[in-house]
C-alpha cells in the first residue's frame, strides 16, 4: 500500500486546473485524481497510472500537467505489476 498524499501546493494546483476552462481534458483528469487522493489513503488506479506515465514521457504537455502526473504516479500501488 502506498501511504503518500497530495501536498497542499499540488492540491492548490489541481484545484485551479480543475476549474480552468482552458485546461486540457488530460490535465483535468490528473487534477481530479490528485484531489481525490488528498487527505486519505486512496491510490492511483491502473488507467490513471498509464495516463500519468504517458504525460511524463511526452513533450506535448506543460510543466504543470507534468507536476500533476508525477504526483498521481507517485501515489500508485507499488505492488501492481
N, C-alpha and C. Protein backbone atom coordinates (compact mmCIF):
# COMPACT_ATOMS: atom_id res chain seq x y z
N UNK A 1 0.84 -1.19 0.00
CA UNK A 1 0.00 0.00 0.00
C UNK A 1 0.88 1.24 0.00
N UNK A 2 0.47 2.22 -0.74
CA UNK A 2 1.18 3.49 -0.80
C UNK A 2 0.49 4.46 0.13
N UNK A 3 1.23 5.08 1.02
CA UNK A 3 0.63 5.98 2.01
C UNK A 3 0.88 7.46 1.69
N UNK A 4 1.35 7.75 0.49
CA UNK A 4 1.59 9.14 0.11
C UNK A 4 0.26 9.88 -0.10
N UNK A 5 0.28 11.16 0.16
CA UNK A 5 -0.90 12.02 -0.01
C UNK A 5 -0.52 13.21 -0.88
N UNK A 6 -1.52 13.80 -1.48
CA UNK A 6 -1.31 15.00 -2.28
C UNK A 6 -0.97 16.17 -1.35
N UNK A 7 0.11 16.87 -1.65
CA UNK A 7 0.52 18.02 -0.82
C UNK A 7 -0.44 19.18 -1.03
N UNK A 8 -0.36 20.15 -0.13
CA UNK A 8 -1.25 21.31 -0.24
C UNK A 8 -0.93 22.13 -1.49
N UNK A 9 0.35 22.22 -1.86
CA UNK A 9 0.69 23.01 -3.06
C UNK A 9 0.16 22.33 -4.32
N UNK A 10 0.25 21.01 -4.38
CA UNK A 10 -0.28 20.30 -5.54
C UNK A 10 -1.80 20.30 -5.50
N UNK A 11 -2.39 20.23 -4.33
CA UNK A 11 -3.86 20.33 -4.21
C UNK A 11 -4.35 21.66 -4.75
N UNK A 12 -3.61 22.72 -4.45
CA UNK A 12 -3.97 24.05 -4.96
C UNK A 12 -3.85 24.10 -6.48
N UNK A 13 -2.75 23.56 -7.01
CA UNK A 13 -2.57 23.50 -8.46
C UNK A 13 -3.68 22.67 -9.10
N UNK A 14 -4.00 21.54 -8.49
CA UNK A 14 -5.04 20.66 -9.03
C UNK A 14 -6.40 21.35 -9.02
N UNK A 15 -6.69 22.05 -7.95
CA UNK A 15 -7.96 22.76 -7.84
C UNK A 15 -8.10 23.83 -8.92
N UNK A 16 -7.04 24.62 -9.10
CA UNK A 16 -7.10 25.67 -10.12
C UNK A 16 -7.15 25.08 -11.53
N UNK A 17 -6.47 23.97 -11.74
CA UNK A 17 -6.51 23.30 -13.04
C UNK A 17 -7.90 22.75 -13.31
N UNK A 18 -8.48 22.15 -12.30
CA UNK A 18 -9.79 21.50 -12.45
C UNK A 18 -10.87 22.50 -12.85
N UNK A 19 -10.78 23.72 -12.36
CA UNK A 19 -11.81 24.72 -12.67
C UNK A 19 -11.45 25.63 -13.85
N UNK A 20 -10.23 25.47 -14.37
CA UNK A 20 -9.77 26.28 -15.50
C UNK A 20 -10.45 25.83 -16.79
N UNK A 21 -11.26 26.70 -17.42
CA UNK A 21 -11.95 26.30 -18.64
C UNK A 21 -11.01 26.04 -19.82
N UNK A 22 -9.78 26.53 -19.73
CA UNK A 22 -8.82 26.33 -20.81
C UNK A 22 -7.89 25.13 -20.60
N UNK A 23 -8.00 24.48 -19.45
CA UNK A 23 -7.15 23.32 -19.16
C UNK A 23 -7.58 22.14 -20.03
N UNK A 24 -6.62 21.34 -20.42
CA UNK A 24 -6.91 20.18 -21.26
C UNK A 24 -7.67 19.11 -20.47
N UNK A 25 -8.31 18.23 -21.19
CA UNK A 25 -9.02 17.11 -20.57
C UNK A 25 -8.05 16.26 -19.76
N UNK A 26 -6.87 16.05 -20.29
CA UNK A 26 -5.86 15.25 -19.61
C UNK A 26 -5.46 15.91 -18.29
N UNK A 27 -5.20 17.21 -18.32
CA UNK A 27 -4.83 17.93 -17.10
C UNK A 27 -5.94 17.85 -16.06
N UNK A 28 -7.18 17.96 -16.51
CA UNK A 28 -8.31 17.89 -15.58
C UNK A 28 -8.46 16.48 -14.99
N UNK A 29 -8.19 15.46 -15.79
CA UNK A 29 -8.25 14.09 -15.26
C UNK A 29 -7.19 13.89 -14.18
N UNK A 30 -5.99 14.35 -14.44
CA UNK A 30 -4.92 14.23 -13.45
C UNK A 30 -5.22 15.06 -12.21
N UNK A 31 -5.77 16.25 -12.41
CA UNK A 31 -6.13 17.11 -11.28
C UNK A 31 -7.19 16.45 -10.41
N UNK A 32 -8.18 15.85 -11.05
CA UNK A 32 -9.23 15.16 -10.30
C UNK A 32 -8.68 14.00 -9.49
N UNK A 33 -7.77 13.25 -10.08
CA UNK A 33 -7.16 12.13 -9.38
C UNK A 33 -6.33 12.63 -8.19
N UNK A 34 -5.56 13.68 -8.40
CA UNK A 34 -4.75 14.24 -7.32
C UNK A 34 -5.63 14.74 -6.17
N UNK A 35 -6.72 15.42 -6.52
CA UNK A 35 -7.63 15.92 -5.49
C UNK A 35 -8.32 14.78 -4.75
N UNK A 36 -8.65 13.71 -5.45
CA UNK A 36 -9.32 12.56 -4.82
C UNK A 36 -8.40 11.88 -3.81
N UNK A 37 -7.09 12.06 -3.96
CA UNK A 37 -6.12 11.41 -3.08
C UNK A 37 -5.57 12.35 -2.00
N UNK A 38 -6.22 13.46 -1.83
CA UNK A 38 -5.78 14.44 -0.84
C UNK A 38 -6.40 14.11 0.52
N UNK A 39 -5.55 13.82 1.49
CA UNK A 39 -6.04 13.60 2.85
C UNK A 39 -6.67 12.25 3.10
N UNK A 40 -6.37 11.24 2.29
CA UNK A 40 -6.90 9.90 2.54
C UNK A 40 -5.91 8.87 2.02
N UNK A 41 -6.26 7.60 2.11
CA UNK A 41 -5.35 6.53 1.69
C UNK A 41 -5.66 5.97 0.30
N UNK A 42 -6.40 6.72 -0.51
CA UNK A 42 -6.69 6.24 -1.86
C UNK A 42 -5.41 6.17 -2.68
N UNK A 43 -5.39 5.25 -3.64
CA UNK A 43 -4.24 5.08 -4.52
C UNK A 43 -4.67 5.27 -5.97
N UNK A 44 -3.72 5.59 -6.80
CA UNK A 44 -3.97 5.77 -8.22
C UNK A 44 -4.31 4.43 -8.87
N UNK A 45 -5.35 4.44 -9.70
CA UNK A 45 -5.74 3.24 -10.43
C UNK A 45 -4.83 3.01 -11.63
N UNK A 46 -4.93 1.82 -12.19
CA UNK A 46 -4.06 1.43 -13.30
C UNK A 46 -4.22 2.34 -14.52
N UNK A 47 -5.44 2.72 -14.85
CA UNK A 47 -5.65 3.57 -16.03
C UNK A 47 -5.04 4.96 -15.84
N UNK A 48 -5.13 5.49 -14.64
CA UNK A 48 -4.52 6.80 -14.37
C UNK A 48 -3.01 6.68 -14.33
N UNK A 49 -2.49 5.55 -13.89
CA UNK A 49 -1.04 5.33 -13.93
C UNK A 49 -0.53 5.41 -15.37
N UNK A 50 -1.27 4.76 -16.27
CA UNK A 50 -0.87 4.77 -17.69
C UNK A 50 -0.92 6.19 -18.26
N UNK A 51 -1.98 6.91 -17.94
CA UNK A 51 -2.12 8.29 -18.42
C UNK A 51 -0.98 9.16 -17.89
N UNK A 52 -0.70 9.07 -16.59
CA UNK A 52 0.36 9.87 -15.99
C UNK A 52 1.71 9.53 -16.60
N UNK A 53 1.95 8.27 -16.85
CA UNK A 53 3.21 7.85 -17.48
C UNK A 53 3.34 8.42 -18.89
N UNK A 54 2.25 8.38 -19.63
CA UNK A 54 2.24 8.94 -20.98
C UNK A 54 2.56 10.43 -20.96
N UNK A 55 1.96 11.15 -20.03
CA UNK A 55 2.20 12.60 -19.91
C UNK A 55 3.66 12.88 -19.60
N UNK A 56 4.22 12.14 -18.66
CA UNK A 56 5.61 12.37 -18.27
C UNK A 56 6.59 12.06 -19.39
N UNK A 57 6.22 11.17 -20.27
CA UNK A 57 7.10 10.78 -21.37
C UNK A 57 6.86 11.58 -22.65
N UNK A 58 5.98 12.56 -22.59
CA UNK A 58 5.62 13.34 -23.76
C UNK A 58 6.16 14.76 -23.68
N UNK A 59 6.49 15.32 -24.80
CA UNK A 59 6.91 16.73 -24.87
C UNK A 59 5.71 17.65 -25.08
N UNK A 60 4.54 17.07 -25.26
CA UNK A 60 3.34 17.81 -25.60
C UNK A 60 2.75 18.57 -24.40
N UNK A 61 3.02 18.11 -23.19
CA UNK A 61 2.36 18.67 -22.01
C UNK A 61 3.25 19.66 -21.28
N UNK A 62 2.61 20.67 -20.65
CA UNK A 62 3.35 21.70 -19.93
C UNK A 62 3.81 21.20 -18.55
N UNK A 63 4.60 22.01 -17.89
CA UNK A 63 5.19 21.61 -16.61
C UNK A 63 4.14 21.39 -15.52
N UNK A 64 3.06 22.16 -15.54
CA UNK A 64 2.02 21.98 -14.53
C UNK A 64 1.32 20.64 -14.69
N UNK A 65 1.02 20.26 -15.91
CA UNK A 65 0.39 18.97 -16.16
C UNK A 65 1.35 17.85 -15.76
N UNK A 66 2.63 18.05 -16.02
CA UNK A 66 3.62 17.04 -15.63
C UNK A 66 3.76 16.95 -14.11
N UNK A 67 3.61 18.06 -13.41
CA UNK A 67 3.63 18.03 -11.94
C UNK A 67 2.47 17.18 -11.42
N UNK A 68 1.31 17.39 -11.99
CA UNK A 68 0.14 16.60 -11.59
C UNK A 68 0.36 15.12 -11.90
N UNK A 69 0.92 14.84 -13.07
CA UNK A 69 1.18 13.46 -13.46
C UNK A 69 2.16 12.80 -12.50
N UNK A 70 3.20 13.52 -12.12
CA UNK A 70 4.18 12.98 -11.19
C UNK A 70 3.57 12.67 -9.84
N UNK A 71 2.71 13.55 -9.37
CA UNK A 71 2.03 13.33 -8.09
C UNK A 71 1.14 12.10 -8.16
N UNK A 72 0.35 12.02 -9.22
CA UNK A 72 -0.56 10.89 -9.38
C UNK A 72 0.22 9.58 -9.47
N UNK A 73 1.30 9.59 -10.22
CA UNK A 73 2.11 8.39 -10.37
C UNK A 73 2.80 8.00 -9.06
N UNK A 74 3.21 8.97 -8.28
CA UNK A 74 3.88 8.66 -7.01
C UNK A 74 2.92 8.05 -6.00
N UNK A 75 1.63 8.20 -6.23
CA UNK A 75 0.63 7.66 -5.31
C UNK A 75 0.02 6.36 -5.83
N UNK A 76 0.73 5.72 -6.75
CA UNK A 76 0.21 4.47 -7.31
C UNK A 76 0.50 3.30 -6.39
N UNK A 77 -0.14 2.18 -6.70
CA UNK A 77 0.04 0.95 -5.96
C UNK A 77 1.38 0.34 -6.36
N UNK A 78 2.34 0.36 -5.46
CA UNK A 78 3.70 -0.11 -5.78
C UNK A 78 3.75 -1.62 -6.02
N UNK A 79 2.74 -2.34 -5.59
CA UNK A 79 2.71 -3.80 -5.79
C UNK A 79 2.08 -4.22 -7.10
N UNK A 80 1.47 -3.26 -7.82
CA UNK A 80 0.85 -3.57 -9.10
C UNK A 80 1.92 -3.83 -10.14
N UNK A 81 1.72 -4.82 -10.95
CA UNK A 81 2.72 -5.15 -11.98
C UNK A 81 2.17 -4.90 -13.35
